[in-house]
């Protein structure tokens, strides 16, 4: 499976890698040297804390590099009439007439508590590529489905996609 990232995501990840290598790594290295100078390492809490910080930093660097290496670059849908990734969609639920704004995202960014929904969810799969005015059946599971109507679409561009990666 590939990580779906924008070009901007990769830029931010590279900046974080550079910061961790050029700023944090030397700082943590200095903390280890200073803690080691305190004496007995078996009971030296500062030394063990610095070693854990070093391990966390190196782990994060490795994680970011792996994310970039396996990334699939995605861009928002340029068709301004169709719903695409990162677009905000105003929908009306037919069963009660309520209206909500949902934003489509990658699986790594979804946060249903903030109405940020994965494009791979039943909702996301149903609305991708649809247009304002479309009536869509959302099949949650074999026992439950509901209809929504697309009221409006707020298009996203690659530069303004700034959802956190979970």
N, C-alpha and C. Protein backbone atom coordinates (compact mmCIF):
# COMPACT_ATOMS: atom_id res chain seq x y z
N UNK A 1 0.85 -1.18 0.00
CA UNK A 1 0.00 0.00 0.00
C UNK A 1 0.89 1.24 0.00
N UNK A 2 0.51 2.21 -0.79
CA UNK A 2 1.26 3.45 -0.88
C UNK A 2 0.64 4.51 0.02
N UNK A 3 1.47 5.41 0.51
CA UNK A 3 0.99 6.56 1.26
C UNK A 3 0.58 7.62 0.25
N UNK A 4 -0.64 8.10 0.34
CA UNK A 4 -1.11 9.12 -0.58
C UNK A 4 -0.76 10.49 0.01
N UNK A 5 0.17 11.16 -0.65
CA UNK A 5 0.67 12.45 -0.17
C UNK A 5 0.68 13.46 -1.30
N UNK A 6 0.57 14.72 -0.93
CA UNK A 6 0.69 15.79 -1.92
C UNK A 6 2.16 16.19 -1.99
N UNK A 7 2.51 16.94 -3.01
CA UNK A 7 3.87 17.45 -3.15
C UNK A 7 4.22 18.32 -1.94
N UNK A 8 3.24 19.06 -1.43
CA UNK A 8 3.44 19.90 -0.25
C UNK A 8 3.74 19.05 0.99
N UNK A 9 3.07 17.89 1.13
CA UNK A 9 3.35 16.98 2.24
C UNK A 9 4.81 16.55 2.22
N UNK A 10 5.28 16.17 1.05
CA UNK A 10 6.66 15.70 0.91
C UNK A 10 7.64 16.81 1.25
N UNK A 11 7.33 18.02 0.81
CA UNK A 11 8.18 19.17 1.14
C UNK A 11 8.26 19.36 2.66
N UNK A 12 7.11 19.31 3.36
CA UNK A 12 7.10 19.48 4.81
C UNK A 12 7.85 18.36 5.51
N UNK A 13 7.70 17.14 5.00
CA UNK A 13 8.40 16.01 5.60
C UNK A 13 9.91 16.15 5.43
N UNK A 14 10.34 16.58 4.26
CA UNK A 14 11.77 16.79 4.04
C UNK A 14 12.31 17.89 4.95
N UNK A 15 11.52 18.94 5.18
CA UNK A 15 11.93 20.01 6.09
C UNK A 15 12.07 19.47 7.52
N UNK A 16 11.13 18.61 7.92
CA UNK A 16 11.22 18.03 9.26
C UNK A 16 12.44 17.13 9.38
N UNK A 17 12.72 16.34 8.35
CA UNK A 17 13.91 15.48 8.36
C UNK A 17 15.16 16.33 8.50
N UNK A 18 15.26 17.40 7.71
CA UNK A 18 16.43 18.29 7.78
C UNK A 18 16.59 18.88 9.19
N UNK A 19 15.49 19.31 9.79
CA UNK A 19 15.54 19.88 11.14
C UNK A 19 16.00 18.83 12.15
N UNK A 20 15.44 17.65 12.05
CA UNK A 20 15.80 16.59 13.01
C UNK A 20 17.27 16.19 12.87
N UNK A 21 17.79 16.19 11.64
CA UNK A 21 19.19 15.82 11.42
C UNK A 21 20.14 16.95 11.80
N UNK A 22 19.83 18.17 11.37
CA UNK A 22 20.79 19.26 11.56
C UNK A 22 20.67 19.97 12.91
N UNK A 23 19.50 19.92 13.56
CA UNK A 23 19.33 20.63 14.82
C UNK A 23 19.16 19.66 16.00
N UNK A 24 18.17 18.78 15.91
CA UNK A 24 17.89 17.90 17.05
C UNK A 24 18.98 16.86 17.30
N UNK A 25 19.47 16.23 16.23
CA UNK A 25 20.48 15.18 16.41
C UNK A 25 21.71 15.70 17.16
N UNK A 26 22.31 16.84 16.76
CA UNK A 26 23.47 17.35 17.51
C UNK A 26 23.12 17.75 18.95
N UNK A 27 21.93 18.34 19.14
CA UNK A 27 21.51 18.75 20.48
C UNK A 27 21.39 17.53 21.39
N UNK A 28 20.73 16.48 20.90
CA UNK A 28 20.56 15.27 21.70
C UNK A 28 21.91 14.61 21.94
N UNK A 29 22.78 14.62 20.94
CA UNK A 29 24.13 14.06 21.11
C UNK A 29 24.88 14.77 22.22
N UNK A 30 24.75 16.08 22.27
CA UNK A 30 25.41 16.86 23.33
C UNK A 30 24.82 16.51 24.70
N UNK A 31 23.50 16.32 24.76
CA UNK A 31 22.86 15.94 26.03
C UNK A 31 23.38 14.58 26.51
N UNK A 32 23.60 13.65 25.58
CA UNK A 32 24.13 12.33 25.95
C UNK A 32 25.55 12.48 26.51
N UNK A 33 26.38 13.28 25.84
CA UNK A 33 27.76 13.49 26.30
C UNK A 33 27.76 14.09 27.71
N UNK A 34 26.92 15.12 27.93
CA UNK A 34 26.87 15.77 29.24
C UNK A 34 26.36 14.81 30.32
N UNK A 35 25.35 14.01 29.99
CA UNK A 35 24.81 13.06 30.96
C UNK A 35 25.82 11.95 31.27
N UNK A 36 26.55 11.52 30.25
CA UNK A 36 27.55 10.47 30.43
C UNK A 36 28.66 10.95 31.39
N UNK A 37 28.95 12.25 31.34
CA UNK A 37 30.01 12.81 32.18
C UNK A 37 29.62 12.85 33.66
N UNK A 38 28.35 12.64 33.96
CA UNK A 38 27.89 12.67 35.35
C UNK A 38 28.31 11.44 36.14
N UNK A 39 28.76 10.41 35.46
CA UNK A 39 29.23 9.23 36.19
C UNK A 39 28.45 7.98 35.88
N UNK A 40 28.16 7.20 36.91
CA UNK A 40 27.54 5.88 36.82
C UNK A 40 26.32 5.88 35.88
N UNK A 41 26.43 5.19 34.75
CA UNK A 41 25.37 5.20 33.74
C UNK A 41 24.18 4.32 34.14
N UNK A 42 24.38 3.34 34.99
CA UNK A 42 23.29 2.43 35.34
C UNK A 42 22.18 3.13 36.12
N UNK A 43 22.51 4.18 36.86
CA UNK A 43 21.50 4.90 37.64
C UNK A 43 21.36 6.35 37.20
N UNK A 44 21.78 6.66 35.99
CA UNK A 44 21.78 8.03 35.50
C UNK A 44 20.53 8.27 34.66
N UNK A 45 19.52 8.89 35.27
CA UNK A 45 18.23 9.13 34.60
C UNK A 45 18.39 10.06 33.40
N UNK A 46 19.24 11.07 33.52
CA UNK A 46 19.45 12.00 32.40
C UNK A 46 20.02 11.29 31.18
N UNK A 47 20.95 10.39 31.43
CA UNK A 47 21.55 9.62 30.34
C UNK A 47 20.51 8.76 29.64
N UNK A 48 19.70 8.05 30.41
CA UNK A 48 18.69 7.17 29.83
C UNK A 48 17.61 7.98 29.09
N UNK A 49 17.25 9.13 29.62
CA UNK A 49 16.27 10.00 28.95
C UNK A 49 16.82 10.51 27.62
N UNK A 50 18.09 10.89 27.60
CA UNK A 50 18.72 11.37 26.36
C UNK A 50 18.81 10.25 25.33
N UNK A 51 19.11 9.04 25.78
CA UNK A 51 19.18 7.89 24.85
C UNK A 51 17.79 7.60 24.26
N UNK A 52 16.74 7.72 25.09
CA UNK A 52 15.37 7.52 24.57
C UNK A 52 15.02 8.62 23.57
N UNK A 53 15.41 9.84 23.85
CA UNK A 53 15.15 10.95 22.92
C UNK A 53 15.86 10.71 21.59
N UNK A 54 17.08 10.21 21.66
CA UNK A 54 17.83 9.90 20.44
C UNK A 54 17.11 8.82 19.64
N UNK A 55 16.65 7.77 20.32
CA UNK A 55 15.95 6.69 19.63
C UNK A 55 14.66 7.19 18.99
N UNK A 56 13.91 8.04 19.70
CA UNK A 56 12.66 8.60 19.14
C UNK A 56 12.95 9.45 17.92
N UNK A 57 14.00 10.28 17.99
CA UNK A 57 14.35 11.14 16.87
C UNK A 57 14.74 10.31 15.64
N UNK A 58 15.59 9.31 15.85
CA UNK A 58 16.04 8.47 14.73
C UNK A 58 14.86 7.68 14.15
N UNK A 59 13.97 7.22 15.02
CA UNK A 59 12.79 6.49 14.56
C UNK A 59 11.90 7.37 13.69
N UNK A 60 11.71 8.62 14.12
CA UNK A 60 10.88 9.56 13.35
C UNK A 60 11.53 9.86 11.99
N UNK A 61 12.84 10.02 11.96
CA UNK A 61 13.54 10.25 10.70
C UNK A 61 13.33 9.06 9.76
N UNK A 62 13.50 7.86 10.27
CA UNK A 62 13.30 6.65 9.46
C UNK A 62 11.87 6.55 8.95
N UNK A 63 10.91 6.87 9.82
CA UNK A 63 9.49 6.82 9.46
C UNK A 63 9.19 7.80 8.32
N UNK A 64 9.66 9.03 8.45
CA UNK A 64 9.42 10.04 7.41
C UNK A 64 10.06 9.64 6.09
N UNK A 65 11.28 9.13 6.15
CA UNK A 65 11.95 8.70 4.92
C UNK A 65 11.19 7.57 4.25
N UNK A 66 10.68 6.63 5.05
CA UNK A 66 9.90 5.52 4.49
C UNK A 66 8.59 6.02 3.87
N UNK A 67 7.95 6.99 4.53
CA UNK A 67 6.71 7.56 3.99
C UNK A 67 6.97 8.20 2.62
N UNK A 68 8.05 8.95 2.52
CA UNK A 68 8.38 9.62 1.27
C UNK A 68 8.72 8.59 0.20
N UNK A 69 9.49 7.59 0.56
CA UNK A 69 9.92 6.57 -0.40
C UNK A 69 8.75 5.81 -1.00
N UNK A 70 7.73 5.56 -0.19
CA UNK A 70 6.58 4.76 -0.66
C UNK A 70 5.40 5.63 -1.08
N UNK A 71 5.62 6.93 -1.18
CA UNK A 71 4.51 7.85 -1.45
C UNK A 71 3.99 7.73 -2.88
N UNK A 72 2.69 7.87 -2.96
CA UNK A 72 2.01 8.04 -4.24
C UNK A 72 1.55 9.50 -4.24
N UNK A 73 2.05 10.28 -5.20
CA UNK A 73 1.72 11.70 -5.25
C UNK A 73 0.30 11.85 -5.79
N UNK A 74 -0.52 12.60 -5.05
CA UNK A 74 -1.88 12.86 -5.48
C UNK A 74 -2.10 14.37 -5.56
N UNK A 75 -2.99 14.75 -6.40
CA UNK A 75 -3.37 16.15 -6.56
C UNK A 75 -4.89 16.25 -6.57
N UNK A 76 -5.41 17.38 -6.12
CA UNK A 76 -6.86 17.57 -6.16
C UNK A 76 -7.39 17.50 -7.59
N UNK A 77 -8.65 17.13 -7.72
CA UNK A 77 -9.33 17.06 -9.01
C UNK A 77 -9.50 18.48 -9.55
N UNK A 78 -9.01 18.71 -10.77
CA UNK A 78 -9.09 20.05 -11.37
C UNK A 78 -10.48 20.39 -11.90
N UNK A 79 -11.32 19.40 -12.11
CA UNK A 79 -12.66 19.65 -12.63
C UNK A 79 -13.49 20.34 -11.55
N UNK A 80 -13.78 21.62 -11.75
CA UNK A 80 -14.45 22.38 -10.70
C UNK A 80 -15.90 22.00 -10.49
N UNK A 81 -16.46 21.18 -11.37
CA UNK A 81 -17.85 20.76 -11.22
C UNK A 81 -18.00 19.41 -10.51
N UNK A 82 -16.89 18.68 -10.33
CA UNK A 82 -16.94 17.36 -9.71
C UNK A 82 -16.23 17.34 -8.37
N UNK A 83 -16.73 16.52 -7.47
CA UNK A 83 -16.11 16.36 -6.16
C UNK A 83 -14.85 15.53 -6.31
N UNK A 84 -13.77 16.03 -5.70
CA UNK A 84 -12.50 15.33 -5.71
C UNK A 84 -11.87 15.33 -4.32
N UNK A 85 -10.70 14.77 -4.25
CA UNK A 85 -9.99 14.66 -2.98
C UNK A 85 -9.70 16.05 -2.41
N UNK A 86 -9.87 16.21 -1.12
CA UNK A 86 -9.66 17.42 -0.32
C UNK A 86 -10.75 18.48 -0.50
N UNK A 87 -11.73 18.24 -1.36
CA UNK A 87 -12.82 19.20 -1.53
C UNK A 87 -13.75 19.16 -0.31
N UNK A 88 -14.34 20.32 -0.01
CA UNK A 88 -15.38 20.39 1.02
C UNK A 88 -16.72 20.33 0.31
N UNK A 89 -17.59 19.49 0.83
CA UNK A 89 -18.87 19.23 0.17
C UNK A 89 -20.00 19.52 1.15
N UNK A 90 -20.91 20.39 0.74
CA UNK A 90 -22.09 20.65 1.55
C UNK A 90 -23.16 19.66 1.11
N UNK A 91 -23.62 18.86 2.07
CA UNK A 91 -24.61 17.83 1.73
C UNK A 91 -25.85 17.99 2.60
N UNK A 92 -26.97 17.57 2.04
CA UNK A 92 -28.23 17.54 2.78
C UNK A 92 -28.65 16.08 2.93
N UNK A 93 -28.91 15.69 4.17
CA UNK A 93 -29.39 14.34 4.45
C UNK A 93 -30.89 14.32 4.23
N UNK A 94 -31.35 13.46 3.32
CA UNK A 94 -32.77 13.43 2.99
C UNK A 94 -33.65 13.00 4.15
N UNK A 95 -33.16 12.09 4.99
CA UNK A 95 -34.02 11.53 6.04
C UNK A 95 -34.45 12.57 7.08
N UNK A 96 -33.65 13.61 7.32
CA UNK A 96 -34.05 14.61 8.31
C UNK A 96 -33.86 16.05 7.84
N UNK A 97 -33.34 16.24 6.64
CA UNK A 97 -33.17 17.58 6.09
C UNK A 97 -31.97 18.34 6.65
N UNK A 98 -31.18 17.71 7.50
CA UNK A 98 -30.02 18.40 8.06
C UNK A 98 -28.95 18.59 6.99
N UNK A 99 -28.14 19.62 7.17
CA UNK A 99 -27.09 19.96 6.22
C UNK A 99 -25.75 19.96 6.96
N UNK A 100 -24.75 19.36 6.35
CA UNK A 100 -23.41 19.33 6.93
C UNK A 100 -22.39 19.57 5.83
N UNK A 101 -21.21 20.02 6.25
CA UNK A 101 -20.09 20.17 5.32
C UNK A 101 -19.08 19.09 5.67
N UNK A 102 -18.75 18.26 4.69
CA UNK A 102 -17.80 17.18 4.85
C UNK A 102 -16.62 17.47 3.93
N UNK A 103 -15.44 17.09 4.39
CA UNK A 103 -14.26 17.24 3.55
C UNK A 103 -13.69 15.85 3.27
N UNK A 104 -13.41 15.59 2.00
CA UNK A 104 -12.82 14.30 1.62
C UNK A 104 -11.32 14.37 1.79
N UNK A 105 -10.74 13.28 2.26
CA UNK A 105 -9.30 13.25 2.48
C UNK A 105 -8.77 11.86 2.19
N UNK A 106 -7.47 11.71 2.37
CA UNK A 106 -6.88 10.39 2.27
C UNK A 106 -7.15 9.66 3.59
N UNK A 107 -6.94 8.37 3.59
CA UNK A 107 -7.16 7.57 4.80
C UNK A 107 -6.27 8.05 5.93
N UNK A 108 -5.07 8.51 5.61
CA UNK A 108 -4.13 8.95 6.63
C UNK A 108 -4.56 10.24 7.32
N UNK A 109 -5.48 10.97 6.72
CA UNK A 109 -5.86 12.28 7.25
C UNK A 109 -7.27 12.30 7.83
N UNK A 110 -8.03 11.25 7.67
CA UNK A 110 -9.43 11.34 8.05
C UNK A 110 -9.59 11.58 9.55
N UNK A 111 -10.63 12.35 9.88
CA UNK A 111 -10.97 12.65 11.27
C UNK A 111 -12.48 12.90 11.30
N UNK A 112 -13.25 11.82 11.43
CA UNK A 112 -14.71 11.96 11.38
C UNK A 112 -15.27 12.94 12.40
N UNK A 113 -14.60 13.13 13.53
CA UNK A 113 -15.10 14.08 14.52
C UNK A 113 -15.07 15.52 14.00
N UNK A 114 -14.27 15.78 12.97
CA UNK A 114 -14.19 17.10 12.35
C UNK A 114 -14.78 17.10 10.95
N UNK A 115 -15.56 16.06 10.63
CA UNK A 115 -16.18 15.89 9.30
C UNK A 115 -15.15 15.81 8.18
N UNK A 116 -13.99 15.25 8.49
CA UNK A 116 -12.97 14.97 7.48
C UNK A 116 -13.03 13.46 7.25
N UNK A 117 -13.51 13.08 6.07
CA UNK A 117 -13.86 11.70 5.79
C UNK A 117 -12.97 11.13 4.69
N UNK A 118 -12.55 9.91 4.87
CA UNK A 118 -11.70 9.24 3.88
C UNK A 118 -12.43 9.05 2.56
N UNK A 119 -11.70 9.22 1.47
CA UNK A 119 -12.26 8.95 0.15
C UNK A 119 -12.56 7.47 -0.04
N UNK A 120 -11.98 6.63 0.83
CA UNK A 120 -12.20 5.19 0.75
C UNK A 120 -13.36 4.71 1.61
N UNK A 121 -13.98 5.61 2.38
CA UNK A 121 -15.14 5.26 3.20
C UNK A 121 -16.36 5.10 2.29
N UNK A 122 -17.43 4.49 2.79
CA UNK A 122 -18.65 4.39 1.97
C UNK A 122 -19.12 5.76 1.45
N UNK A 123 -19.06 6.79 2.31
CA UNK A 123 -19.45 8.13 1.89
C UNK A 123 -18.52 8.65 0.81
N UNK A 124 -17.22 8.56 1.06
CA UNK A 124 -16.23 9.06 0.10
C UNK A 124 -16.34 8.39 -1.26
N UNK A 125 -16.47 7.08 -1.26
CA UNK A 125 -16.58 6.34 -2.52
C UNK A 125 -17.84 6.75 -3.28
N UNK A 126 -18.92 7.00 -2.53
CA UNK A 126 -20.18 7.34 -3.19
C UNK A 126 -20.18 8.73 -3.81
N UNK A 127 -19.52 9.70 -3.17
CA UNK A 127 -19.61 11.08 -3.65
C UNK A 127 -18.49 11.50 -4.60
N UNK A 128 -17.37 10.77 -4.61
CA UNK A 128 -16.26 11.15 -5.51
C UNK A 128 -16.75 11.23 -6.96
N UNK A 129 -16.45 12.34 -7.60
CA UNK A 129 -16.81 12.52 -9.00
C UNK A 129 -18.23 13.03 -9.22
N UNK A 130 -19.00 13.20 -8.16
CA UNK A 130 -20.39 13.67 -8.30
C UNK A 130 -20.41 15.20 -8.40
N UNK A 131 -21.60 15.72 -8.75
CA UNK A 131 -21.76 17.16 -9.00
C UNK A 131 -22.85 17.74 -8.12
N UNK A 132 -22.89 19.07 -8.05
CA UNK A 132 -23.94 19.77 -7.30
C UNK A 132 -25.29 19.37 -7.88
N UNK A 133 -26.22 19.07 -6.97
CA UNK A 133 -27.57 18.67 -7.37
C UNK A 133 -27.76 17.16 -7.43
N UNK A 134 -26.67 16.40 -7.47
CA UNK A 134 -26.78 14.94 -7.52
C UNK A 134 -27.38 14.39 -6.23
N UNK A 135 -28.23 13.38 -6.37
CA UNK A 135 -28.79 12.63 -5.24
C UNK A 135 -28.05 11.30 -5.21
N UNK A 136 -27.49 10.98 -4.05
CA UNK A 136 -26.59 9.83 -3.96
C UNK A 136 -27.03 8.91 -2.83
N UNK A 137 -27.01 7.61 -3.11
CA UNK A 137 -27.28 6.61 -2.09
C UNK A 137 -25.95 6.21 -1.44
N UNK A 138 -25.88 6.37 -0.14
CA UNK A 138 -24.68 5.98 0.62
C UNK A 138 -25.00 4.64 1.28
N UNK A 139 -24.30 3.59 0.87
CA UNK A 139 -24.52 2.25 1.44
C UNK A 139 -23.46 2.01 2.52
N UNK A 140 -23.86 2.15 3.77
CA UNK A 140 -22.95 1.98 4.89
C UNK A 140 -22.62 0.51 5.09
N UNK A 141 -23.64 -0.32 5.07
CA UNK A 141 -23.51 -1.76 5.16
C UNK A 141 -24.77 -2.39 4.54
N UNK A 142 -24.86 -3.70 4.46
CA UNK A 142 -26.04 -4.31 3.81
C UNK A 142 -27.37 -3.94 4.46
N UNK A 143 -27.35 -3.60 5.76
CA UNK A 143 -28.60 -3.28 6.45
C UNK A 143 -28.93 -1.79 6.50
N UNK A 144 -27.96 -0.94 6.22
CA UNK A 144 -28.23 0.50 6.38
C UNK A 144 -27.66 1.30 5.22
N UNK A 145 -28.52 2.15 4.68
CA UNK A 145 -28.10 3.10 3.64
C UNK A 145 -28.96 4.35 3.78
N UNK A 146 -28.51 5.43 3.18
CA UNK A 146 -29.24 6.69 3.25
C UNK A 146 -28.93 7.52 2.00
N UNK A 147 -29.80 8.49 1.72
CA UNK A 147 -29.61 9.38 0.58
C UNK A 147 -29.12 10.76 1.03
N UNK A 148 -28.24 11.33 0.23
CA UNK A 148 -27.81 12.71 0.43
C UNK A 148 -27.93 13.44 -0.90
N UNK A 149 -28.03 14.75 -0.80
CA UNK A 149 -28.04 15.58 -2.00
C UNK A 149 -26.89 16.57 -1.88
N UNK A 150 -26.12 16.73 -2.97
CA UNK A 150 -24.98 17.64 -2.99
C UNK A 150 -25.51 19.06 -3.17
N UNK A 151 -25.24 19.92 -2.17
CA UNK A 151 -25.71 21.31 -2.22
C UNK A 151 -24.65 22.23 -2.83
N UNK A 152 -23.37 22.01 -2.47
CA UNK A 152 -22.28 22.85 -3.01
C UNK A 152 -20.95 22.12 -2.84
N UNK A 153 -19.97 22.61 -3.62
CA UNK A 153 -18.62 22.05 -3.58
C UNK A 153 -17.65 23.21 -3.44
N UNK A 154 -16.77 23.12 -2.45
CA UNK A 154 -15.69 24.10 -2.31
C UNK A 154 -14.40 23.38 -2.72
N UNK A 155 -13.85 23.77 -3.85
CA UNK A 155 -12.68 23.09 -4.41
C UNK A 155 -11.42 23.38 -3.60
N UNK A 156 -10.55 22.39 -3.55
CA UNK A 156 -9.25 22.52 -2.88
C UNK A 156 -8.16 22.55 -3.94
N UNK A 157 -7.06 23.21 -3.61
CA UNK A 157 -5.89 23.16 -4.48
C UNK A 157 -4.77 22.49 -3.71
N UNK A 158 -3.76 22.03 -4.38
CA UNK A 158 -2.65 21.33 -3.75
C UNK A 158 -1.94 22.16 -2.70
N UNK A 159 -1.92 23.48 -2.87
CA UNK A 159 -1.20 24.34 -1.94
C UNK A 159 -1.95 24.59 -0.65
N UNK A 160 -3.30 24.53 -0.70
CA UNK A 160 -4.04 24.86 0.52
C UNK A 160 -4.49 23.61 1.27
N UNK A 161 -4.02 22.45 0.88
CA UNK A 161 -4.33 21.22 1.60
C UNK A 161 -3.37 21.15 2.77
N UNK A 162 -3.89 21.38 3.95
CA UNK A 162 -3.02 21.38 5.12
C UNK A 162 -3.64 20.59 6.26
N UNK A 163 -4.25 19.46 5.92
CA UNK A 163 -4.80 18.59 6.93
C UNK A 163 -3.68 17.79 7.56
N UNK A 164 -3.76 17.54 8.85
CA UNK A 164 -2.70 16.76 9.47
C UNK A 164 -2.70 15.32 8.99
N UNK A 165 -1.51 14.75 8.95
CA UNK A 165 -1.38 13.33 8.64
C UNK A 165 -1.45 12.60 9.96
N UNK A 166 -2.38 11.71 10.07
CA UNK A 166 -2.58 10.97 11.33
C UNK A 166 -1.55 9.90 11.47
